[in-house]
């Protein structure tokens, strides 16, 4: 199994002006879920994988009946203006 780097995951600070209460070990007494943002490298990798998955769908084109419907709707819009 490959080891995963987690250096691109950056938690954001909680949105509060009050400091959190901490126990004797320094852990938050009432831990809240923090928002986690993905690093640029991970975002780029996800984007690349999504493009690879959907390229086939995009390359299939639009079915003729949908293209005809869009054309007719467009003609209606042009006539209403």
N, C-alpha and C. Protein backbone atom coordinates (compact mmCIF):
# COMPACT_ATOMS: atom_id res chain seq x y z
N UNK A 1 0.85 -1.18 0.00
CA UNK A 1 0.00 0.00 0.00
C UNK A 1 0.89 1.24 0.00
N UNK A 2 0.53 2.23 -0.80
CA UNK A 2 1.31 3.45 -0.87
C UNK A 2 1.06 4.31 0.35
N UNK A 3 2.10 4.97 0.82
CA UNK A 3 1.89 5.91 1.92
C UNK A 3 1.40 7.22 1.32
N UNK A 4 0.56 7.89 2.05
CA UNK A 4 -0.03 9.14 1.55
C UNK A 4 0.55 10.31 2.30
N UNK A 5 0.89 11.35 1.57
CA UNK A 5 1.36 12.58 2.19
C UNK A 5 0.15 13.40 2.60
N UNK A 6 0.22 14.00 3.75
CA UNK A 6 -0.87 14.86 4.20
C UNK A 6 -0.40 16.29 4.38
N UNK A 7 0.72 16.62 3.78
CA UNK A 7 1.27 17.96 3.94
C UNK A 7 0.45 19.02 3.23
N UNK A 8 -0.40 18.63 2.29
CA UNK A 8 -1.21 19.60 1.56
C UNK A 8 -2.55 19.88 2.23
N UNK A 9 -2.83 19.27 3.34
CA UNK A 9 -4.09 19.48 4.04
C UNK A 9 -3.84 20.49 5.15
N UNK A 10 -4.56 21.62 5.08
CA UNK A 10 -4.33 22.68 6.03
C UNK A 10 -5.62 23.03 6.76
N UNK A 11 -5.70 22.75 8.06
CA UNK A 11 -6.90 23.13 8.79
C UNK A 11 -6.95 24.64 8.95
N UNK A 12 -8.14 25.18 8.95
CA UNK A 12 -8.29 26.62 9.15
C UNK A 12 -8.61 26.89 10.61
N UNK A 13 -8.31 28.07 11.04
CA UNK A 13 -8.57 28.45 12.43
C UNK A 13 -10.06 28.59 12.65
N UNK A 14 -10.55 28.26 13.86
CA UNK A 14 -11.98 28.43 14.14
C UNK A 14 -12.34 29.91 14.09
N UNK A 15 -13.57 30.18 13.69
CA UNK A 15 -14.02 31.56 13.55
C UNK A 15 -14.58 32.05 14.88
N UNK A 16 -13.72 32.38 15.80
CA UNK A 16 -14.15 32.90 17.09
C UNK A 16 -13.06 33.78 17.66
N UNK A 17 -13.45 34.75 18.46
CA UNK A 17 -12.48 35.63 19.09
C UNK A 17 -12.03 35.09 20.44
N UNK A 18 -12.82 34.17 21.03
CA UNK A 18 -12.49 33.62 22.34
C UNK A 18 -11.50 32.48 22.20
N UNK A 19 -10.50 32.42 23.08
CA UNK A 19 -9.61 31.26 23.04
C UNK A 19 -10.36 30.03 23.53
N UNK A 20 -9.98 28.87 23.01
CA UNK A 20 -10.63 27.63 23.41
C UNK A 20 -10.13 27.20 24.79
N UNK A 21 -11.04 26.61 25.57
CA UNK A 21 -10.63 26.03 26.84
C UNK A 21 -9.86 24.75 26.56
N UNK A 22 -8.78 24.52 27.28
CA UNK A 22 -7.94 23.34 27.05
C UNK A 22 -7.79 22.56 28.34
N UNK A 23 -7.61 21.24 28.18
CA UNK A 23 -7.40 20.39 29.35
C UNK A 23 -5.92 20.43 29.73
N UNK A 24 -5.54 19.61 30.72
CA UNK A 24 -4.17 19.60 31.22
C UNK A 24 -3.15 19.19 30.15
N UNK A 25 -3.60 18.44 29.14
CA UNK A 25 -2.70 18.01 28.07
C UNK A 25 -2.66 19.01 26.91
N UNK A 26 -3.42 20.09 27.01
CA UNK A 26 -3.43 21.10 25.96
C UNK A 26 -4.43 20.85 24.86
N UNK A 27 -5.27 19.81 25.02
CA UNK A 27 -6.28 19.51 24.00
C UNK A 27 -7.52 20.36 24.23
N UNK A 28 -8.23 20.74 23.17
CA UNK A 28 -9.47 21.50 23.35
C UNK A 28 -10.48 20.69 24.15
N UNK A 29 -11.13 21.35 25.11
CA UNK A 29 -12.12 20.67 25.93
C UNK A 29 -13.36 20.38 25.10
N UNK A 30 -13.79 21.31 24.31
CA UNK A 30 -14.95 21.13 23.43
C UNK A 30 -14.46 21.22 22.00
N UNK A 31 -13.86 20.13 21.51
CA UNK A 31 -13.32 20.22 20.15
C UNK A 31 -14.43 20.40 19.12
N UNK A 32 -14.20 21.31 18.22
CA UNK A 32 -15.15 21.54 17.13
C UNK A 32 -14.56 20.96 15.86
N UNK A 33 -15.44 20.66 14.93
CA UNK A 33 -14.95 20.22 13.64
C UNK A 33 -14.32 21.43 12.96
N UNK A 34 -13.11 21.26 12.47
CA UNK A 34 -12.47 22.35 11.75
C UNK A 34 -12.58 22.10 10.26
N UNK A 35 -12.64 23.17 9.53
CA UNK A 35 -12.70 23.08 8.08
C UNK A 35 -11.32 22.70 7.58
N UNK A 36 -11.27 21.78 6.64
CA UNK A 36 -9.99 21.35 6.09
C UNK A 36 -9.97 21.74 4.62
N UNK A 37 -8.91 22.41 4.22
CA UNK A 37 -8.76 22.80 2.83
C UNK A 37 -7.69 21.94 2.18
N UNK A 38 -7.92 21.58 0.95
CA UNK A 38 -6.97 20.76 0.22
C UNK A 38 -5.90 21.65 -0.40
N UNK A 39 -4.68 21.16 -0.41
CA UNK A 39 -3.59 21.90 -1.02
C UNK A 39 -3.72 21.95 -2.53
N UNK A 40 -2.94 22.81 -3.16
CA UNK A 40 -3.02 23.00 -4.61
C UNK A 40 -2.68 21.74 -5.38
N UNK A 41 -1.69 20.99 -4.90
CA UNK A 41 -1.29 19.77 -5.60
C UNK A 41 -2.44 18.76 -5.62
N UNK A 42 -3.12 18.61 -4.50
CA UNK A 42 -4.24 17.68 -4.43
C UNK A 42 -5.40 18.17 -5.29
N UNK A 43 -5.69 19.47 -5.24
CA UNK A 43 -6.75 20.02 -6.07
C UNK A 43 -6.45 19.79 -7.55
N UNK A 44 -5.20 20.00 -7.95
CA UNK A 44 -4.81 19.79 -9.35
C UNK A 44 -4.98 18.33 -9.74
N UNK A 45 -4.60 17.42 -8.85
CA UNK A 45 -4.72 15.99 -9.15
C UNK A 45 -6.19 15.60 -9.30
N UNK A 46 -7.04 16.10 -8.42
CA UNK A 46 -8.48 15.81 -8.50
C UNK A 46 -9.03 16.36 -9.82
N UNK A 47 -8.66 17.59 -10.17
CA UNK A 47 -9.12 18.18 -11.43
C UNK A 47 -8.70 17.36 -12.63
N UNK A 48 -7.47 16.90 -12.62
CA UNK A 48 -6.96 16.08 -13.73
C UNK A 48 -7.76 14.78 -13.85
N UNK A 49 -8.02 14.14 -12.73
CA UNK A 49 -8.77 12.89 -12.75
C UNK A 49 -10.22 13.10 -13.21
N UNK A 50 -10.83 14.21 -12.77
CA UNK A 50 -12.21 14.49 -13.21
C UNK A 50 -12.26 14.76 -14.71
N UNK A 51 -11.29 15.53 -15.22
CA UNK A 51 -11.26 15.78 -16.67
C UNK A 51 -11.09 14.48 -17.44
N UNK A 52 -10.23 13.60 -16.95
CA UNK A 52 -10.02 12.32 -17.63
C UNK A 52 -11.31 11.50 -17.64
N UNK A 53 -12.05 11.53 -16.54
CA UNK A 53 -13.29 10.76 -16.47
C UNK A 53 -14.37 11.31 -17.40
N UNK A 54 -14.47 12.63 -17.49
CA UNK A 54 -15.57 13.23 -18.23
C UNK A 54 -15.23 13.57 -19.67
N UNK A 55 -13.97 13.43 -20.08
CA UNK A 55 -13.62 13.68 -21.48
C UNK A 55 -14.43 12.80 -22.41
N UNK A 56 -14.61 11.55 -22.05
CA UNK A 56 -15.37 10.62 -22.89
C UNK A 56 -16.81 11.10 -23.05
N UNK A 57 -17.40 11.57 -21.97
CA UNK A 57 -18.79 12.06 -22.02
C UNK A 57 -18.88 13.29 -22.91
N UNK A 58 -17.94 14.20 -22.76
CA UNK A 58 -17.95 15.42 -23.55
C UNK A 58 -17.76 15.10 -25.03
N UNK A 59 -16.88 14.16 -25.33
CA UNK A 59 -16.60 13.82 -26.72
C UNK A 59 -17.75 13.09 -27.40
N UNK A 60 -18.72 12.59 -26.64
CA UNK A 60 -19.87 11.91 -27.23
C UNK A 60 -20.77 12.90 -27.97
N UNK A 61 -20.71 14.14 -27.59
CA UNK A 61 -21.54 15.14 -28.25
C UNK A 61 -22.96 15.15 -27.71
N UNK A 62 -23.77 15.99 -28.31
CA UNK A 62 -25.15 16.17 -27.88
C UNK A 62 -26.05 15.34 -28.79
N UNK A 63 -26.98 14.57 -28.22
CA UNK A 63 -27.91 13.81 -29.07
C UNK A 63 -28.71 14.76 -29.97
N UNK A 64 -29.06 14.29 -31.14
CA UNK A 64 -29.72 15.14 -32.14
C UNK A 64 -31.03 15.74 -31.61
N UNK A 65 -31.83 14.97 -30.88
CA UNK A 65 -33.11 15.50 -30.40
C UNK A 65 -32.91 16.64 -29.39
N UNK A 66 -31.82 16.58 -28.63
CA UNK A 66 -31.52 17.67 -27.69
C UNK A 66 -31.04 18.90 -28.47
N UNK A 67 -30.19 18.69 -29.47
CA UNK A 67 -29.72 19.81 -30.30
C UNK A 67 -30.90 20.49 -31.00
N UNK A 68 -31.87 19.70 -31.51
CA UNK A 68 -33.05 20.27 -32.15
C UNK A 68 -33.88 21.08 -31.15
N UNK A 69 -34.04 20.57 -29.95
CA UNK A 69 -34.79 21.28 -28.92
C UNK A 69 -34.13 22.61 -28.57
N UNK A 70 -32.82 22.60 -28.40
CA UNK A 70 -32.10 23.84 -28.10
C UNK A 70 -32.25 24.83 -29.24
N UNK A 71 -32.15 24.35 -30.48
CA UNK A 71 -32.30 25.23 -31.65
C UNK A 71 -33.69 25.86 -31.67
N UNK A 72 -34.74 25.05 -31.42
CA UNK A 72 -36.12 25.58 -31.43
C UNK A 72 -36.32 26.60 -30.31
N UNK A 73 -35.80 26.31 -29.14
CA UNK A 73 -35.92 27.26 -28.03
C UNK A 73 -35.19 28.55 -28.32
N UNK A 74 -34.04 28.44 -28.95
CA UNK A 74 -33.26 29.62 -29.31
C UNK A 74 -34.03 30.46 -30.33
N UNK A 75 -34.67 29.80 -31.30
CA UNK A 75 -35.47 30.51 -32.29
C UNK A 75 -36.65 31.24 -31.63
N UNK A 76 -37.26 30.60 -30.61
CA UNK A 76 -38.36 31.25 -29.88
C UNK A 76 -37.87 32.49 -29.15
N UNK A 77 -36.69 32.38 -28.52
CA UNK A 77 -36.13 33.52 -27.80
C UNK A 77 -35.81 34.67 -28.75
N UNK A 78 -35.31 34.34 -29.94
CA UNK A 78 -34.98 35.38 -30.92
C UNK A 78 -36.24 36.07 -31.39
N UNK A 79 -37.34 35.35 -31.51
CA UNK A 79 -38.60 35.93 -31.96
C UNK A 79 -39.27 36.77 -30.89
N UNK A 80 -39.03 36.45 -29.61
CA UNK A 80 -39.67 37.19 -28.51
C UNK A 80 -38.95 38.50 -28.21
N UNK A 81 -37.74 38.68 -28.66
CA UNK A 81 -36.98 39.89 -28.34
C UNK A 81 -37.32 41.05 -29.17
